[in-house]
């Protein structure tokens, strides 16, 4: 008899015999699975390895994420993409490939989705078919259900490393050189407002987390995110806030804008907003302009210049202000912009560091500090020192004894 059919049969029998009114331990469930598999294995003449694999698969289907659990447990898998029950893809080592396993039915995939979403106290159904969530290990989850998703339930999992990257790790893997890492460390310490931009999967959240490692331990930090992903390890006085979606029972949503406004009343030294996508840009820039120097955030864009244009658009989505006033607000709020890209080989690279000098002649003016030059014509990649800081007030106040040779404004 085909193993997949037997596996589903054993699973159904176990679920039918369980007393769901009490909380069964993992060990108790494993014991029941083992006994059932042993009975079937004797009839089917399975090897010990086959029985062990069957036990793991059944346990994963009951208590964990079914066929996806193996991928979630694999530290080399960075992304899992489920396009309906029969089409699963994964990213490993920067390459996207198809996974050989599939869900037994659309219902089973829906069970896994509901299990993930419920753990985050969120709801997804036909009425509310789109939701962001996270796994217990911090992985980012996005779900889209029919009728919005035509080819079945869509589940995307962005898996983060078990041990968060440090700046030394990023230098070692070639994301940026040590010189820029040292420069950015000083910029965080001297409380420059830094905005990180980049495309999808370019490493923005990871980089924001790494920059957070440079924040002094004696400061009070508030992080604000759609789904909590940041993991600041060295900040004792840390407040983590997460959005809440509305639900059918009338529970009101709590947006990033709501959380930023609340954070301003909680005496933060700095505010970290995981990502700005719309009207919350107004509140983020306002916070940067009202005494919360050293704040950090990220956004989707193809360059630093494009990110500034997107921020203008976000402002216009939320407030009725002249473009001139919006640009002045942005210029006053952001000090430094960092742009990341994902190269063709799947590598993440810091491609530019630019100072937002100010607002002149109707335009926001950027001053390039570092620029990435990719490998070409037999020449190795390198980062060009394109310029120096124009505004050095914060830096000189923080590092008054710094000699000109190491002064970023020198």
Protein backbone atom coordinates (compact mmCIF):
# COMPACT_ATOMS: atom_id res chain seq x y z
CA UNK A 1 0.00 0.00 0.00
CA UNK A 2 1.32 3.47 -0.85
CA UNK A 3 3.08 5.11 2.10
CA UNK A 4 1.40 8.49 1.71
CA UNK A 5 -2.02 6.88 1.84
CA UNK A 6 -1.04 4.85 4.92
CA UNK A 7 0.40 7.94 6.58
CA UNK A 8 -2.85 9.84 6.07
CA UNK A 9 -4.84 6.86 7.31
CA UNK A 10 -2.76 6.60 10.50
CA UNK A 11 -3.08 10.33 11.06
CA UNK A 12 -6.87 10.23 10.65
CA UNK A 13 -7.20 7.28 13.04
CA UNK A 14 -5.06 9.02 15.65
CA UNK A 15 -7.01 12.26 15.43
CA UNK A 16 -10.26 10.32 15.69
CA UNK A 17 -9.13 8.53 18.84
CA UNK A 18 -7.68 11.55 20.66
CA UNK A 19 -9.50 13.25 23.51
CA UNK A 20 -9.34 16.82 22.23
CA UNK A 21 -10.93 18.13 25.44
CA UNK A 22 -7.55 17.83 27.21
CA UNK A 23 -4.11 19.07 26.26
CA UNK A 24 -2.00 16.15 25.09
CA UNK A 25 1.77 16.42 25.49
CA UNK A 26 4.10 15.99 22.52
CA UNK A 27 5.54 12.84 24.10
CA UNK A 28 2.11 11.29 24.50
CA UNK A 29 1.29 11.97 20.86
CA UNK A 30 4.69 10.63 19.74
CA UNK A 31 4.04 7.44 21.71
CA UNK A 32 0.66 6.89 20.04
CA UNK A 33 2.17 7.53 16.61
CA UNK A 34 5.02 5.11 17.29
CA UNK A 35 2.64 2.29 18.25
CA UNK A 36 0.52 2.82 15.14
CA UNK A 37 3.52 2.97 12.85
CA UNK A 38 5.00 -0.18 14.38
CA UNK A 39 1.77 -2.08 13.65
CA UNK A 40 1.65 -0.90 10.04
CA UNK A 41 5.40 -1.36 9.59
CA UNK A 42 5.25 -5.04 10.48
CA UNK A 43 2.61 -5.64 7.83
CA UNK A 44 4.38 -3.56 5.17
CA UNK A 45 7.92 -4.75 6.07
CA UNK A 46 9.33 -1.24 6.49
CA UNK A 47 12.91 -0.65 7.58
CA UNK A 48 13.72 1.10 10.86
CA UNK A 49 14.64 4.27 8.97
CA UNK A 50 11.35 4.22 7.07
CA UNK A 51 9.41 3.83 10.33
CA UNK A 52 11.30 6.73 11.93
CA UNK A 53 10.63 8.94 8.91
CA UNK A 54 6.94 8.02 9.00
CA UNK A 55 6.75 8.89 12.70
CA UNK A 56 8.36 12.29 12.09
CA UNK A 57 6.09 13.06 9.14
CA UNK A 58 2.91 12.17 11.05
CA UNK A 59 3.96 14.13 14.12
CA UNK A 60 4.80 17.16 11.96
CA UNK A 61 1.38 16.92 10.28
CA UNK A 62 -0.42 16.88 13.65
CA UNK A 63 1.61 19.20 15.85
CA UNK A 64 3.84 21.20 13.56
CA UNK A 65 3.87 22.51 9.98
CA UNK A 66 3.42 19.24 8.09
CA UNK A 67 5.67 18.96 5.00
CA UNK A 68 7.08 22.44 5.61
CA UNK A 69 8.60 21.60 8.98
CA UNK A 70 11.71 20.08 7.43
CA UNK A 71 12.31 23.32 5.52
CA UNK A 72 11.66 25.52 8.56
CA UNK A 73 14.22 23.48 10.52
CA UNK A 74 16.86 23.75 7.78
CA UNK A 75 19.15 26.72 8.59
CA UNK A 76 20.24 26.98 4.96
CA UNK A 77 16.69 27.66 3.69
CA UNK A 78 15.99 31.39 3.62
CA UNK A 79 12.56 31.45 1.93
CA UNK A 80 9.64 29.03 1.56
CA UNK A 81 7.00 29.72 -1.10
CA UNK A 82 3.80 27.68 -1.22
CA UNK A 83 1.68 28.29 -4.34
CA UNK A 84 -1.26 26.07 -3.46
CA UNK A 85 -1.01 22.56 -2.00
CA UNK A 86 0.87 20.98 -4.90
CA UNK A 87 3.55 23.59 -5.64
CA UNK A 88 6.21 24.35 -3.02
CA UNK A 89 9.42 26.25 -3.75
CA UNK A 90 12.36 27.17 -1.54
CA UNK A 91 15.37 29.44 -1.64
CA UNK A 92 18.67 27.93 -0.53
CA UNK A 93 22.07 29.53 -0.98
CA UNK A 94 20.53 32.27 -3.12
CA UNK A 95 18.96 29.77 -5.56
CA UNK A 96 15.24 29.08 -5.90
CA UNK A 97 14.29 25.42 -6.43
CA UNK A 98 11.21 23.23 -6.28
CA UNK A 99 10.54 21.07 -3.22
CA UNK A 100 9.68 17.44 -3.89
CA UNK A 101 7.02 17.15 -1.17
CA UNK A 102 3.47 18.50 -1.40
CA UNK A 103 0.46 18.89 0.86
CA UNK A 104 -2.02 16.03 0.73
CA UNK A 105 -4.93 18.43 0.14
CA UNK A 106 -5.90 22.12 0.13
CA UNK A 107 -7.58 21.50 3.49
CA UNK A 108 -4.31 20.37 5.04
CA UNK A 109 -2.53 23.49 3.80
CA UNK A 110 -5.36 25.59 5.25
CA UNK A 111 -4.95 23.78 8.59
CA UNK A 112 -1.27 24.73 8.68
CA UNK A 113 -2.06 28.34 7.77
CA UNK A 114 -4.71 28.64 10.47
CA UNK A 115 -2.32 27.12 13.00
CA UNK A 116 0.34 29.73 12.19
CA UNK A 117 -2.08 32.67 12.19
CA UNK A 118 -3.84 31.63 15.41
CA UNK A 119 -0.56 31.61 17.33
CA UNK A 120 -0.19 35.32 16.51
CA UNK A 121 -3.77 36.10 17.52
CA UNK A 122 -4.65 36.99 13.95
CA UNK A 123 -7.45 35.97 11.64
CA UNK A 124 -7.49 34.99 7.97
CA UNK A 125 -10.54 33.80 6.01
CA UNK A 126 -12.53 34.61 2.85
CA UNK A 127 -13.69 37.88 4.36
CA UNK A 128 -10.16 38.88 5.40
CA UNK A 129 -8.01 36.90 2.93
CA UNK A 130 -4.63 38.62 3.50
CA UNK A 131 -2.60 38.57 6.70
CA UNK A 132 0.97 38.99 7.95
CA UNK A 133 2.13 36.81 10.82
CA UNK A 134 5.26 35.15 12.19
CA UNK A 135 6.50 31.78 13.37
CA UNK A 136 7.77 31.10 16.87
CA UNK A 137 11.37 31.33 15.60
CA UNK A 138 10.71 34.86 14.30
CA UNK A 139 10.29 33.95 10.63
CA UNK A 140 8.07 36.35 8.67
CA UNK A 141 4.84 34.90 7.23
CA UNK A 142 2.48 36.23 4.58
CA UNK A 143 -0.80 34.51 3.67
CA UNK A 144 -3.22 35.11 0.80
CA UNK A 145 -6.36 32.97 0.52
CA UNK A 146 -8.93 32.41 -2.23
CA UNK A 147 -10.84 34.07 -3.79
CA UNK A 148 -8.01 36.64 -3.92
CA UNK A 149 -5.45 33.88 -4.60
CA UNK A 150 -6.64 32.06 -7.71
CA UNK A 151 -4.39 28.99 -7.56
CA UNK A 152 -5.14 28.07 -3.96
CA UNK A 153 -3.89 29.23 -0.55
CA UNK A 154 -0.59 31.09 -0.86
CA UNK A 155 1.90 30.94 2.01
CA UNK A 156 5.29 32.68 2.01
CA UNK A 157 7.76 32.26 4.86
CA UNK A 158 10.89 34.40 5.13
CA UNK A 159 13.18 32.48 7.47
CA UNK A 160 15.69 34.43 9.55
CA UNK A 161 18.94 32.95 10.90
CA UNK A 162 18.78 31.11 14.23
CA UNK A 163 21.61 33.35 15.42
CA UNK A 164 21.11 36.98 14.29
CA UNK A 165 23.81 38.43 12.08
CA UNK A 166 26.34 40.84 13.53
CA UNK A 167 28.17 43.55 11.62
CA UNK A 168 31.27 41.32 11.70
CA UNK A 169 29.23 38.61 9.90
CA UNK A 170 28.16 41.07 7.19
CA UNK A 171 31.75 42.22 6.70
CA UNK A 172 32.93 38.60 6.53
CA UNK A 173 30.37 37.62 3.88
CA UNK A 174 31.13 40.65 1.71
CA UNK A 175 27.98 42.72 2.27
CA UNK A 176 30.14 45.76 3.09
CA UNK A 177 33.77 46.51 3.99
CA UNK A 178 35.05 47.16 7.49
CA UNK A 179 35.64 50.85 6.76
CA UNK A 180 31.93 51.45 6.11
CA UNK A 181 30.96 49.31 9.09
CA UNK A 182 33.12 51.49 11.36
CA UNK A 183 31.66 54.65 9.80
CA UNK A 184 28.06 53.46 10.37
CA UNK A 185 28.84 52.46 13.96
CA UNK A 186 29.95 56.03 14.66
CA UNK A 187 26.86 57.41 12.92
CA UNK A 188 24.58 55.33 15.18
CA UNK A 189 26.49 56.26 18.33
CA UNK A 190 26.37 59.98 17.52
CA UNK A 191 22.60 59.73 16.95
CA UNK A 192 22.24 60.32 13.23
CA UNK A 193 18.77 59.48 11.91
CA UNK A 194 19.36 56.66 9.43
CA UNK A 195 16.97 55.33 6.78
CA UNK A 196 17.73 51.97 5.12
CA UNK A 197 16.25 51.34 1.66
CA UNK A 198 16.32 48.40 -0.72
CA UNK A 199 14.25 46.00 -2.78
CA UNK A 200 12.49 42.83 -1.68
CA UNK A 201 14.80 40.40 0.14
CA UNK A 202 17.74 42.81 0.00
CA UNK A 203 18.40 42.45 3.74
CA UNK A 204 16.84 45.65 5.12
CA UNK A 205 15.47 44.13 8.33
CA UNK A 206 18.71 42.26 8.98
CA UNK A 207 20.71 45.43 8.46
CA UNK A 208 18.43 47.45 10.73
CA UNK A 209 18.90 44.81 13.41
CA UNK A 210 22.68 44.97 12.98
CA UNK A 211 22.69 48.77 13.27
CA UNK A 212 20.70 48.36 16.47
CA UNK A 213 23.65 46.51 18.00
CA UNK A 214 25.56 49.81 18.06
CA UNK A 215 22.97 51.65 20.18
CA UNK A 216 24.35 52.39 23.68
CA UNK A 217 22.94 50.11 26.39
CA UNK A 218 21.79 52.97 28.62
CA UNK A 219 19.15 54.22 26.15
CA UNK A 220 15.42 53.45 26.09
CA UNK A 221 14.44 52.04 22.69
CA UNK A 222 10.98 51.38 21.23
CA UNK A 223 10.60 49.14 18.17
CA UNK A 224 7.45 49.28 16.06
CA UNK A 225 6.63 46.65 13.42
CA UNK A 226 3.81 45.03 11.46
CA UNK A 227 5.07 41.64 12.67
CA UNK A 228 7.79 41.60 15.32
CA UNK A 229 11.07 40.60 13.65
CA UNK A 230 13.74 42.85 15.13
CA UNK A 231 15.87 41.23 17.80
CA UNK A 232 17.91 43.85 19.67
CA UNK A 233 20.06 41.80 22.00
CA UNK A 234 21.97 44.41 23.99
CA UNK A 235 19.26 46.87 25.07
CA UNK A 236 17.91 46.28 28.62
CA UNK A 237 15.35 49.13 28.40
CA UNK A 238 13.51 47.86 25.32
CA UNK A 239 9.82 48.14 24.38
CA UNK A 240 8.58 46.05 21.44
CA UNK A 241 5.27 47.04 19.81
CA UNK A 242 3.40 45.17 17.08
CA UNK A 243 0.38 46.08 14.95
CA UNK A 244 -2.98 44.38 15.34
CA UNK A 245 -5.43 43.71 12.53
CA UNK A 246 -9.16 44.19 12.83
CA UNK A 247 -11.31 41.07 13.11
CA UNK A 248 -14.91 40.02 12.54
CA UNK A 249 -15.74 40.33 16.25
CA UNK A 250 -15.27 44.09 16.03
CA UNK A 251 -11.75 44.27 17.45
CA UNK A 252 -10.34 47.60 16.27
CA UNK A 253 -7.06 47.63 14.34
CA UNK A 254 -3.91 49.10 15.86
CA UNK A 255 -1.77 50.58 13.09
CA UNK A 256 1.88 51.62 12.91
CA UNK A 257 0.68 55.24 13.03
CA UNK A 258 -1.14 54.51 16.30
CA UNK A 259 1.95 52.85 17.74
CA UNK A 260 4.31 55.69 16.78
CA UNK A 261 2.02 58.24 18.42
CA UNK A 262 1.82 56.09 21.54
CA UNK A 263 5.59 55.56 21.56
CA UNK A 264 6.17 59.32 21.70
CA UNK A 265 4.44 59.32 25.11
CA UNK A 266 6.62 56.51 26.45
CA UNK A 267 9.84 58.52 26.80
CA UNK A 268 11.91 56.84 24.04
CA UNK A 269 15.47 57.89 23.33
CA UNK A 270 15.14 56.37 19.87
CA UNK A 271 12.34 54.82 17.82
CA UNK A 272 12.94 51.99 15.35
CA UNK A 273 10.18 51.45 12.77
CA UNK A 274 10.61 48.14 10.95
CA UNK A 275 9.25 49.46 7.66
CA UNK A 276 7.24 52.42 6.46
CA UNK A 277 4.81 51.83 3.60
CA UNK A 278 2.24 54.61 3.72
CA UNK A 279 0.98 57.35 6.04
CA UNK A 280 3.15 56.26 8.97
CA UNK A 281 6.04 57.99 7.17
CA UNK A 282 4.57 61.29 8.43
CA UNK A 283 4.73 60.17 12.05
CA UNK A 284 8.18 58.62 11.65
CA UNK A 285 9.68 61.78 10.15
CA UNK A 286 7.90 63.89 12.79
CA UNK A 287 9.49 61.77 15.53
CA UNK A 288 12.92 62.29 13.95
CA UNK A 289 12.22 66.04 13.95
CA UNK A 290 11.08 66.26 17.57
CA UNK A 291 14.01 65.23 19.70
CA UNK A 292 14.31 61.52 18.93
CA UNK A 293 17.68 61.69 17.21
CA UNK A 294 19.23 58.36 16.30
CA UNK A 295 15.96 56.84 15.11
CA UNK A 296 16.08 54.18 12.39
CA UNK A 297 13.68 52.84 9.77
CA UNK A 298 13.50 51.05 6.41
CA UNK A 299 11.50 51.21 3.19
CA UNK A 300 11.21 49.62 -0.25
CA UNK A 301 12.92 51.48 -3.11
CA UNK A 302 15.45 51.04 -5.91
CA UNK A 303 17.85 53.77 -4.73
CA UNK A 304 18.25 56.44 -2.08
CA UNK A 305 16.80 59.03 -4.47
CA UNK A 306 13.81 56.79 -5.22
CA UNK A 307 13.25 56.30 -1.49
CA UNK A 308 12.95 60.04 -1.00
CA UNK A 309 10.35 60.21 -3.79
CA UNK A 310 8.43 57.35 -2.17
CA UNK A 311 8.47 59.13 1.17
CA UNK A 312 6.97 62.20 -0.50
CA UNK A 313 4.21 60.01 -1.92
CA UNK A 314 3.56 58.47 1.50
CA UNK A 315 3.22 61.95 2.99
CA UNK A 316 0.70 62.93 0.32
CA UNK A 317 -1.33 59.78 1.08
CA UNK A 318 -1.75 60.94 4.68
CA UNK A 319 -1.76 64.74 4.79
CA UNK A 320 -2.69 67.66 2.58
CA UNK A 321 0.60 69.58 2.52
CA UNK A 322 2.50 71.44 -0.18
CA UNK A 323 5.33 69.37 -1.66
CA UNK A 324 7.75 72.11 -0.63
CA UNK A 325 6.78 71.67 3.04
CA UNK A 326 6.97 67.88 2.78
CA UNK A 327 10.50 68.00 1.38
CA UNK A 328 11.61 70.37 4.11
CA UNK A 329 10.24 67.96 6.74
CA UNK A 330 12.09 65.01 5.19
CA UNK A 331 15.32 67.00 4.87
CA UNK A 332 15.14 68.04 8.52
CA UNK A 333 14.35 64.51 9.71
CA UNK A 334 16.71 62.14 7.90
CA UNK A 335 20.49 62.52 8.19
CA UNK A 336 21.84 59.45 6.42
CA UNK A 337 20.51 56.98 3.83
CA UNK A 338 21.83 53.47 3.28
CA UNK A 339 20.81 51.47 0.22
CA UNK A 340 21.04 47.68 -0.12
CA UNK A 341 20.65 45.46 -3.18
CA UNK A 342 20.46 41.78 -3.88
CA UNK A 343 22.82 40.80 -6.68
CA UNK A 344 22.18 38.22 -9.40
CA UNK A 345 23.96 35.50 -7.41
CA UNK A 346 21.69 36.03 -4.40
CA UNK A 347 24.29 38.02 -2.43
CA UNK A 348 23.24 41.10 -0.50
CA UNK A 349 25.38 44.20 -0.93
CA UNK A 350 25.42 47.65 0.57
CA UNK A 351 25.61 49.75 -2.61
CA UNK A 352 25.50 53.32 -1.32
CA UNK A 353 25.71 55.49 1.77
CA UNK A 354 24.43 59.03 1.17
CA UNK A 355 23.99 62.03 3.42
CA UNK A 356 20.77 63.99 3.04
CA UNK A 357 22.36 67.43 3.00
CA UNK A 358 19.17 69.46 2.89
CA UNK A 359 16.62 71.15 0.67
CA UNK A 360 17.91 73.51 -2.02
CA UNK A 361 16.24 75.05 -5.07
CA UNK A 362 13.12 72.95 -4.65
CA UNK A 363 14.96 69.59 -4.44
CA UNK A 364 16.31 67.28 -1.76
CA UNK A 365 20.09 67.14 -2.05
CA UNK A 366 22.04 63.92 -1.45
CA UNK A 367 25.78 63.79 -0.81
CA UNK A 368 27.28 60.36 -1.68
CA UNK A 369 29.72 59.10 0.98
CA UNK A 370 30.37 55.52 -0.21
CA UNK A 371 29.47 53.85 -3.51
CA UNK A 372 29.76 50.18 -4.45
CA UNK A 373 31.57 49.31 -7.69
CA UNK A 374 30.76 45.75 -8.81
CA UNK A 375 33.25 43.34 -10.32
CA UNK A 376 33.70 43.95 -14.05
CA UNK A 377 36.33 43.71 -16.82
CA UNK A 378 38.58 41.57 -14.66
CA UNK A 379 38.59 44.08 -11.78
CA UNK A 380 37.50 43.01 -8.29
CA UNK A 381 34.55 44.71 -6.60
CA UNK A 382 35.30 47.68 -4.35
CA UNK A 383 33.62 50.46 -2.42
CA UNK A 384 34.63 53.95 -3.45
CA UNK A 385 34.93 56.71 -0.86
CA UNK A 386 32.89 59.27 -2.79
CA UNK A 387 32.83 62.13 -0.30
CA UNK A 388 32.74 63.28 3.33
CA UNK A 389 29.99 64.42 5.66
CA UNK A 390 28.85 68.00 5.19
CA UNK A 391 27.02 68.23 8.52
CA UNK A 392 29.45 67.13 11.22
CA UNK A 393 27.87 68.79 14.27
CA UNK A 394 26.59 65.58 15.90
CA UNK A 395 29.76 63.73 15.07
CA UNK A 396 32.10 66.37 16.52
CA UNK A 397 29.95 66.66 19.64
CA UNK A 398 30.11 62.89 20.18
CA UNK A 399 33.78 62.46 19.21
CA UNK A 400 35.40 65.80 20.12
CA UNK A 401 38.93 64.44 20.20
CA UNK A 402 38.77 62.64 16.84
CA UNK A 403 41.66 63.50 14.57
CA UNK A 404 41.05 64.69 11.03
CA UNK A 405 42.40 61.48 9.53
CA UNK A 406 39.59 59.41 11.06
CA UNK A 407 36.92 62.10 11.03
CA UNK A 408 34.21 61.25 8.45
CA UNK A 409 33.93 64.96 7.81
CA UNK A 410 37.67 65.42 7.43
